[in-house]
Each structure stands twice: as structure tokens, then as C-alpha cells.
Amino acid sequence: MNTLARNFSHTFRRFLTASVLNIIGLAIAFASFFVIMTQVDYDLNFNKGYKDYQNIYRTEIYYSNDIGWQTWMSRPLCELIGSSSPHIQTVSI
């Protein structure tokens, strides 16, 4: 074990720039992995705290080319969408 530490110390001192760049690269890789896995976990577990989460849907409406897709809409439109089908159980704004 002592030989391993001595060898690492010698290599680190001899190739200082390369060693520092390797350590910085490894730190960036770990940070990137953590951020990506946090996002994946959030995406996979979104809405799973609700009962019957498989039946939750989000309605979007396309207004125009300037505005694009919007997730918000007026209450009368939401109520109209909710009452338009007997398969829709509840509507929330």
C-alpha cells in the first residue's frame, strides 16, 4: 500500500498538469452523471405519488405560430373539455 501511495505521489508531481486535468475531468464527469441521473429519476417518478397516476393527463393547446403550445387555458374551456367526454372523471386547473 505504501508503494502505491508513493507511486501515485511521484506520478502526480512529475505530471502535474496532466494529473490536475484528469482530476478536474473526473470531477466534471461525476457532477454531470449526478445531474443527469437526478433528472432521469425525476422524469421516471413524476406524479407517482398520486393514486392512479397512470390516468393523469395534461392538456395543451396550440394558439398560433407566434405563441406556440400553451399548457394554460381559461376555466370555461377546461370545463368544456371535461364535460365533452364521459371518460374524463375530473378536471383540474
Foldseek 3Di string as FASTA:
>chain_A
DVVVVVVVVVVCVVPVVVVVVVVVVVVVVVVVVVVVVVVVVCVVCPQVVDPPSVPDDFDWDQDDPVVGIDRDDDPVVQVCVQPVDPVRDDTDD
